[in-house]
């Protein structure tokens, strides 16, 4: 009698990506895709319904972000096995996903055989994080974390707003914005505002789709 296949939930907001992953996984004799999700909320609902052995998901999802969905799933089911499959290699992105409860973190350019091996490994109870990304997590431990308010200020800086306009948008004083900017520069080790934005984008603290590049 053949053992039960590894039941996989695939979550990505791009249909073509979901189709490709599902096709590859379903070709494996020991795997089966049981559901597909296109939003963060949907992946939580489908997890509750199907209780997959492994959840394979992107970080950038509509509605709830991937790390928020992972945290919700792992809070309900501490034994959940989630693998992140994303384009984001920044240390902050990796840190957030692992902190939320992900057991694997892979980049979307990973060879298919490595992805399938990761699914099998995580299903067996192991963690799967490539060495270069594990190094990013180690580097992240040396950085002080930005507060949610500092991240809000950073996004507005990235959008090109002055301290005065950022203060108006956040309904705080210009001096308060200046205080936050000083803290941001110190925590990121940035030379100026532009450098801070570049570092934040590189590390995955903020993302371009969170930044309004239109004139304020």
C-alpha atoms as a PDB file:
ATOM      1  CA  UNK A   1       0.000   0.000   0.000  1.00  0.00           C
ATOM      2  CA  UNK A   2       1.431   3.389  -1.015  1.00  0.00           C
ATOM      3  CA  UNK A   3       1.799   6.008   1.735  1.00  0.00           C
ATOM      4  CA  UNK A   4      -0.499   9.013   1.647  1.00  0.00           C
ATOM      5  CA  UNK A   5       0.939  11.773  -0.548  1.00  0.00           C
ATOM      6  CA  UNK A   6       2.159  15.042   0.963  1.00  0.00           C
ATOM      7  CA  UNK A   7      -0.846  17.360   0.798  1.00  0.00           C
ATOM      8  CA  UNK A   8       0.230  20.846  -0.325  1.00  0.00           C
ATOM      9  CA  UNK A   9      -1.575  24.191  -0.245  1.00  0.00           C
ATOM     10  CA  UNK A  10      -0.193  26.624  -2.846  1.00  0.00           C
ATOM     11  CA  UNK A  11      -0.654  30.357  -2.200  1.00  0.00           C
ATOM     12  CA  UNK A  12       0.399  33.054  -4.658  1.00  0.00           C
ATOM     13  CA  UNK A  13      -1.442  36.036  -6.087  1.00  0.00           C
ATOM     14  CA  UNK A  14      -0.305  35.249  -9.645  1.00  0.00           C
ATOM     15  CA  UNK A  15      -2.374  32.633 -11.487  1.00  0.00           C
ATOM     16  CA  UNK A  16       0.499  31.587 -13.758  1.00  0.00           C
ATOM     17  CA  UNK A  17       2.758  30.945 -10.765  1.00  0.00           C
ATOM     18  CA  UNK A  18       0.082  28.896  -9.006  1.00  0.00           C
ATOM     19  CA  UNK A  19      -0.567  26.909 -12.179  1.00  0.00           C
ATOM     20  CA  UNK A  20       3.140  26.198 -12.680  1.00  0.00           C
ATOM     21  CA  UNK A  21       3.727  25.126  -9.082  1.00  0.00           C
ATOM     22  CA  UNK A  22       0.624  22.965  -9.049  1.00  0.00           C
ATOM     23  CA  UNK A  23       1.628  21.242 -12.308  1.00  0.00           C
ATOM     24  CA  UNK A  24       5.093  20.424 -10.995  1.00  0.00           C
ATOM     25  CA  UNK A  25       3.920  19.247  -7.578  1.00  0.00           C
ATOM     26  CA  UNK A  26       1.086  17.097  -8.932  1.00  0.00           C
ATOM     27  CA  UNK A  27       3.552  15.290 -11.204  1.00  0.00           C
ATOM     28  CA  UNK A  28       5.270  13.882  -8.108  1.00  0.00           C
ATOM     29  CA  UNK A  29       4.089  10.471  -6.974  1.00  0.00           C
ATOM     30  CA  UNK A  30       4.370  11.478  -3.313  1.00  0.00           C
ATOM     31  CA  UNK A  31       2.698  14.919  -3.500  1.00  0.00           C
ATOM     32  CA  UNK A  32      -0.717  16.373  -4.197  1.00  0.00           C
ATOM     33  CA  UNK A  33      -1.954  19.983  -4.315  1.00  0.00           C
ATOM     34  CA  UNK A  34      -5.190  20.093  -2.312  1.00  0.00           C
ATOM     35  CA  UNK A  35      -5.999  23.813  -2.718  1.00  0.00           C
ATOM     36  CA  UNK A  36      -4.808  27.107  -4.196  1.00  0.00           C
ATOM     37  CA  UNK A  37      -5.084  30.548  -2.608  1.00  0.00           C
ATOM     38  CA  UNK A  38      -4.653  33.975  -4.197  1.00  0.00           C
ATOM     39  CA  UNK A  39      -4.914  36.216  -1.098  1.00  0.00           C
ATOM     40  CA  UNK A  40      -3.632  36.209   2.456  1.00  0.00           C
ATOM     41  CA  UNK A  41      -7.120  35.793   3.903  1.00  0.00           C
ATOM     42  CA  UNK A  42      -7.910  32.967   1.491  1.00  0.00           C
ATOM     43  CA  UNK A  43      -4.841  30.977   2.458  1.00  0.00           C
ATOM     44  CA  UNK A  44      -5.916  31.107   6.122  1.00  0.00           C
ATOM     45  CA  UNK A  45      -9.446  29.957   5.255  1.00  0.00           C
ATOM     46  CA  UNK A  46      -8.205  27.167   2.987  1.00  0.00           C
ATOM     47  CA  UNK A  47      -5.706  26.039   5.622  1.00  0.00           C
ATOM     48  CA  UNK A  48      -8.560  25.662   8.104  1.00  0.00           C
ATOM     49  CA  UNK A  49     -10.580  23.680   5.577  1.00  0.00           C
ATOM     50  CA  UNK A  50      -7.889  21.340   4.237  1.00  0.00           C
ATOM     51  CA  UNK A  51      -5.219  21.188   6.982  1.00  0.00           C
ATOM     52  CA  UNK A  52      -2.440  20.593   4.422  1.00  0.00           C
ATOM     53  CA  UNK A  53       0.820  18.907   5.358  1.00  0.00           C
ATOM     54  CA  UNK A  54       2.835  21.751   3.799  1.00  0.00           C
ATOM     55  CA  UNK A  55       1.811  25.271   2.779  1.00  0.00           C
ATOM     56  CA  UNK A  56       3.849  26.906   0.011  1.00  0.00           C
ATOM     57  CA  UNK A  57       3.267  30.642  -0.142  1.00  0.00           C
ATOM     58  CA  UNK A  58       4.508  33.995  -1.365  1.00  0.00           C
ATOM     59  CA  UNK A  59       5.169  36.863   1.041  1.00  0.00           C
ATOM     60  CA  UNK A  60       3.499  39.610  -0.989  1.00  0.00           C
ATOM     61  CA  UNK A  61      -0.180  38.743  -0.939  1.00  0.00           C
ATOM     62  CA  UNK A  62      -3.242  40.995  -1.327  1.00  0.00           C
ATOM     63  CA  UNK A  63      -5.098  41.807   1.876  1.00  0.00           C
ATOM     64  CA  UNK A  64      -2.913  40.196   4.513  1.00  0.00           C
ATOM     65  CA  UNK A  65       0.812  40.001   3.832  1.00  0.00           C
ATOM     66  CA  UNK A  66       2.416  36.584   3.820  1.00  0.00           C
ATOM     67  CA  UNK A  67       4.037  36.989   7.229  1.00  0.00           C
ATOM     68  CA  UNK A  68       0.686  38.043   8.723  1.00  0.00           C
ATOM     69  CA  UNK A  69      -1.012  34.993   7.200  1.00  0.00           C
ATOM     70  CA  UNK A  70       1.791  32.726   8.433  1.00  0.00           C
ATOM     71  CA  UNK A  71       1.463  34.106  11.962  1.00  0.00           C
ATOM     72  CA  UNK A  72      -2.304  33.556  11.937  1.00  0.00           C
ATOM     73  CA  UNK A  73      -1.931  29.982  10.689  1.00  0.00           C
ATOM     74  CA  UNK A  74       0.802  29.100  13.164  1.00  0.00           C
ATOM     75  CA  UNK A  75      -1.113  30.634  16.051  1.00  0.00           C
ATOM     76  CA  UNK A  76      -4.041  28.325  15.295  1.00  0.00           C
ATOM     77  CA  UNK A  77      -1.838  25.343  14.497  1.00  0.00           C
ATOM     78  CA  UNK A  78       1.665  25.432  16.022  1.00  0.00           C
ATOM     79  CA  UNK A  79       2.527  22.306  14.041  1.00  0.00           C
ATOM     80  CA  UNK A  80       1.871  24.024  10.702  1.00  0.00           C
ATOM     81  CA  UNK A  81       4.633  23.591   8.147  1.00  0.00           C
ATOM     82  CA  UNK A  82       4.948  26.672   5.941  1.00  0.00           C
ATOM     83  CA  UNK A  83       7.531  27.331   3.231  1.00  0.00           C
ATOM     84  CA  UNK A  84       7.913  30.854   1.870  1.00  0.00           C
ATOM     85  CA  UNK A  85       8.593  31.072  -1.868  1.00  0.00           C
ATOM     86  CA  UNK A  86       9.336  34.664  -2.818  1.00  0.00           C
ATOM     87  CA  UNK A  87      11.547  37.098  -4.708  1.00  0.00           C
ATOM     88  CA  UNK A  88      12.488  38.947  -1.506  1.00  0.00           C
ATOM     89  CA  UNK A  89      15.967  38.117  -0.239  1.00  0.00           C
ATOM     90  CA  UNK A  90      16.412  41.016   2.229  1.00  0.00           C
ATOM     91  CA  UNK A  91      17.314  40.148   5.812  1.00  0.00           C
ATOM     92  CA  UNK A  92      14.217  41.843   7.227  1.00  0.00           C
ATOM     93  CA  UNK A  93      11.891  39.862   4.957  1.00  0.00           C
ATOM     94  CA  UNK A  94      13.522  36.583   5.999  1.00  0.00           C
ATOM     95  CA  UNK A  95      13.465  37.601   9.659  1.00  0.00           C
ATOM     96  CA  UNK A  96       9.752  38.457   9.607  1.00  0.00           C
ATOM     97  CA  UNK A  97       8.801  35.204   7.908  1.00  0.00           C
ATOM     98  CA  UNK A  98      10.791  33.007  10.288  1.00  0.00           C
ATOM     99  CA  UNK A  99       9.547  34.976  13.294  1.00  0.00           C
ATOM    100  CA  UNK A 100       5.980  34.433  12.066  1.00  0.00           C
ATOM    101  CA  UNK A 101       6.568  30.676  12.015  1.00  0.00           C
ATOM    102  CA  UNK A 102       7.801  29.708   8.533  1.00  0.00           C
ATOM    103  CA  UNK A 103       9.961  26.586   8.485  1.00  0.00           C
ATOM    104  CA  UNK A 104      11.389  27.184   5.042  1.00  0.00           C
ATOM    105  CA  UNK A 105      12.353  30.199   2.950  1.00  0.00           C
ATOM    106  CA  UNK A 106      13.197  29.869  -0.714  1.00  0.00           C
ATOM    107  CA  UNK A 107      13.664  32.298  -3.573  1.00  0.00           C
ATOM    108  CA  UNK A 108      11.575  31.911  -6.712  1.00  0.00           C
ATOM    109  CA  UNK A 109      14.642  31.232  -8.861  1.00  0.00           C
ATOM    110  CA  UNK A 110      15.329  28.030  -6.914  1.00  0.00           C
ATOM    111  CA  UNK A 111      15.650  24.899  -9.119  1.00  0.00           C
ATOM    112  CA  UNK A 112      12.502  22.778  -9.121  1.00  0.00           C
ATOM    113  CA  UNK A 113      14.301  19.797  -7.645  1.00  0.00           C
ATOM    114  CA  UNK A 114      15.462  21.902  -4.695  1.00  0.00           C
ATOM    115  CA  UNK A 115      11.909  23.146  -4.158  1.00  0.00           C
ATOM    116  CA  UNK A 116      10.541  19.598  -4.150  1.00  0.00           C
ATOM    117  CA  UNK A 117      13.310  18.499  -1.804  1.00  0.00           C
ATOM    118  CA  UNK A 118      12.412  21.366   0.531  1.00  0.00           C
ATOM    119  CA  UNK A 119       8.752  20.305   0.603  1.00  0.00           C
ATOM    120  CA  UNK A 120       9.770  16.765   1.533  1.00  0.00           C
ATOM    121  CA  UNK A 121      12.270  17.967   4.138  1.00  0.00           C
ATOM    122  CA  UNK A 122       9.867  20.368   5.843  1.00  0.00           C
ATOM    123  CA  UNK A 123       7.166  17.700   5.801  1.00  0.00           C
ATOM    124  CA  UNK A 124       9.565  15.472   7.729  1.00  0.00           C
ATOM    125  CA  UNK A 125       9.908  18.148  10.388  1.00  0.00           C
ATOM    126  CA  UNK A 126      13.092  19.890   9.288  1.00  0.00           C
ATOM    127  CA  UNK A 127      13.758  23.542   8.558  1.00  0.00           C
ATOM    128  CA  UNK A 128      14.937  24.545   5.100  1.00  0.00           C
ATOM    129  CA  UNK A 129      16.746  27.857   4.697  1.00  0.00           C
ATOM    130  CA  UNK A 130      19.609  28.240   2.190  1.00  0.00           C
ATOM    131  CA  UNK A 131      22.971  29.159   3.684  1.00  0.00           C
ATOM    132  CA  UNK A 132      23.061  32.630   2.151  1.00  0.00           C
ATOM    133  CA  UNK A 133      19.666  33.468   3.627  1.00  0.00           C
ATOM    134  CA  UNK A 134      20.623  31.991   6.991  1.00  0.00           C
ATOM    135  CA  UNK A 135      23.550  34.408   6.895  1.00  0.00           C
ATOM    136  CA  UNK A 136      21.109  37.248   6.276  1.00  0.00           C
ATOM    137  CA  UNK A 137      19.206  36.288   9.425  1.00  0.00           C
ATOM    138  CA  UNK A 138      22.453  36.292  11.401  1.00  0.00           C
ATOM    139  CA  UNK A 139      23.280  39.753  10.061  1.00  0.00           C
ATOM    140  CA  UNK A 140      19.778  40.937  10.937  1.00  0.00           C
ATOM    141  CA  UNK A 141      20.364  40.106  14.601  1.00  0.00           C
ATOM    142  CA  UNK A 142      22.832  42.977  14.761  1.00  0.00           C
ATOM    143  CA  UNK A 143      20.257  45.564  13.638  1.00  0.00           C
ATOM    144  CA  UNK A 144      17.828  47.368  15.903  1.00  0.00           C
ATOM    145  CA  UNK A 145      14.244  46.974  14.677  1.00  0.00           C
ATOM    146  CA  UNK A 146      12.306  49.961  13.388  1.00  0.00           C
ATOM    147  CA  UNK A 147       9.031  50.761  15.126  1.00  0.00           C
ATOM    148  CA  UNK A 148       5.769  50.693  13.133  1.00  0.00           C
ATOM    149  CA  UNK A 149       5.663  54.511  13.258  1.00  0.00           C
ATOM    150  CA  UNK A 150       9.228  54.761  11.975  1.00  0.00           C
ATOM    151  CA  UNK A 151       8.305  52.473   9.085  1.00  0.00           C
ATOM    152  CA  UNK A 152       5.318  54.723   8.304  1.00  0.00           C
ATOM    153  CA  UNK A 153       7.650  57.741   8.241  1.00  0.00           C
ATOM    154  CA  UNK A 154      10.147  55.857   6.079  1.00  0.00           C
ATOM    155  CA  UNK A 155       7.470  55.035   3.497  1.00  0.00           C
ATOM    156  CA  UNK A 156       6.507  58.701   3.275  1.00  0.00           C
ATOM    157  CA  UNK A 157      10.154  59.711   2.941  1.00  0.00           C
ATOM    158  CA  UNK A 158      10.467  57.182   0.113  1.00  0.00           C
ATOM    159  CA  UNK A 159       7.421  58.797  -1.504  1.00  0.00           C
ATOM    160  CA  UNK A 160       9.267  62.122  -1.554  1.00  0.00           C
ATOM    161  CA  UNK A 161       7.357  63.918   1.191  1.00  0.00           C
ATOM    162  CA  UNK A 162       9.078  66.579   3.277  1.00  0.00           C
ATOM    163  CA  UNK A 163       9.069  66.340   7.067  1.00  0.00           C
ATOM    164  CA  UNK A 164       6.273  68.902   7.182  1.00  0.00           C
ATOM    165  CA  UNK A 165       4.052  67.035   4.709  1.00  0.00           C
ATOM    166  CA  UNK A 166       4.832  63.683   6.326  1.00  0.00           C
ATOM    167  CA  UNK A 167       3.762  65.143   9.655  1.00  0.00           C
ATOM    168  CA  UNK A 168       0.506  66.370   8.168  1.00  0.00           C
ATOM    169  CA  UNK A 169      -0.156  62.958   6.604  1.00  0.00           C
ATOM    170  CA  UNK A 170       0.487  61.176   9.912  1.00  0.00           C
ATOM    171  CA  UNK A 171      -1.131  63.922  12.016  1.00  0.00           C
ATOM    172  CA  UNK A 172       1.994  64.502  14.068  1.00  0.00           C
ATOM    173  CA  UNK A 173       4.285  67.521  14.364  1.00  0.00           C
ATOM    174  CA  UNK A 174       7.175  68.269  12.030  1.00  0.00           C
ATOM    175  CA  UNK A 175       9.538  67.992  14.998  1.00  0.00           C
ATOM    176  CA  UNK A 176       8.187  64.523  15.742  1.00  0.00           C
ATOM    177  CA  UNK A 177       8.934  63.495  12.146  1.00  0.00           C
ATOM    178  CA  UNK A 178      12.461  64.870  12.477  1.00  0.00           C
ATOM    179  CA  UNK A 179      12.909  62.800  15.637  1.00  0.00           C
ATOM    180  CA  UNK A 180      11.739  59.667  13.816  1.00  0.00           C
ATOM    181  CA  UNK A 181      14.033  60.378  10.853  1.00  0.00           C
ATOM    182  CA  UNK A 182      17.019  60.711  13.187  1.00  0.00           C
ATOM    183  CA  UNK A 183      16.129  57.385  14.793  1.00  0.00           C
ATOM    184  CA  UNK A 184      15.717  55.730  11.385  1.00  0.00           C
ATOM    185  CA  UNK A 185      19.108  56.920  10.170  1.00  0.00           C
ATOM    186  CA  UNK A 186      20.752  55.668  13.348  1.00  0.00           C
ATOM    187  CA  UNK A 187      19.110  52.245  13.303  1.00  0.00           C
ATOM    188  CA  UNK A 188      19.831  51.665   9.613  1.00  0.00           C
ATOM    189  CA  UNK A 189      23.311  53.145   9.713  1.00  0.00           C
ATOM    190  CA  UNK A 190      22.273  55.450   6.889  1.00  0.00           C
ATOM    191  CA  UNK A 191      24.092  58.614   5.839  1.00  0.00           C
ATOM    192  CA  UNK A 192      20.970  60.500   4.803  1.00  0.00           C
ATOM    193  CA  UNK A 193      17.304  60.057   3.915  1.00  0.00           C
ATOM    194  CA  UNK A 194      17.984  58.715   0.422  1.00  0.00           C
ATOM    195  CA  UNK A 195      20.490  56.204   1.753  1.00  0.00           C
ATOM    196  CA  UNK A 196      17.949  55.111   4.377  1.00  0.00           C
ATOM    197  CA  UNK A 197      15.341  54.422   1.702  1.00  0.00           C
ATOM    198  CA  UNK A 198      17.828  52.437  -0.399  1.00  0.00           C
ATOM    199  CA  UNK A 199      18.860  50.327   2.597  1.00  0.00           C
ATOM    200  CA  UNK A 200      15.244  49.747   3.627  1.00  0.00           C
ATOM    201  CA  UNK A 201      14.278  48.593   0.131  1.00  0.00           C
ATOM    202  CA  UNK A 202      17.314  46.324  -0.117  1.00  0.00           C
ATOM    203  CA  UNK A 203      16.647  44.723   3.252  1.00  0.00           C
ATOM    204  CA  UNK A 204      12.922  44.265   2.646  1.00  0.00           C
ATOM    205  CA  UNK A 205      11.810  46.633   5.396  1.00  0.00           C
ATOM    206  CA  UNK A 206       9.651  48.474   2.863  1.00  0.00           C
ATOM    207  CA  UNK A 207       8.658  47.586  -0.689  1.00  0.00           C
ATOM    208  CA  UNK A 208       8.120  49.656  -3.806  1.00  0.00           C
ATOM    209  CA  UNK A 209       4.447  48.739  -3.976  1.00  0.00           C
ATOM    210  CA  UNK A 210       4.003  50.379  -0.574  1.00  0.00           C
ATOM    211  CA  UNK A 211       5.460  53.658  -1.785  1.00  0.00           C
ATOM    212  CA  UNK A 212       3.376  56.346  -3.505  1.00  0.00           C
ATOM    213  CA  UNK A 213       5.714  57.769  -6.145  1.00  0.00           C
ATOM    214  CA  UNK A 214       3.182  60.342  -7.332  1.00  0.00           C
ATOM    215  CA  UNK A 215       3.796  63.973  -6.461  1.00  0.00           C
ATOM    216  CA  UNK A 216       2.597  64.615  -2.906  1.00  0.00           C
END
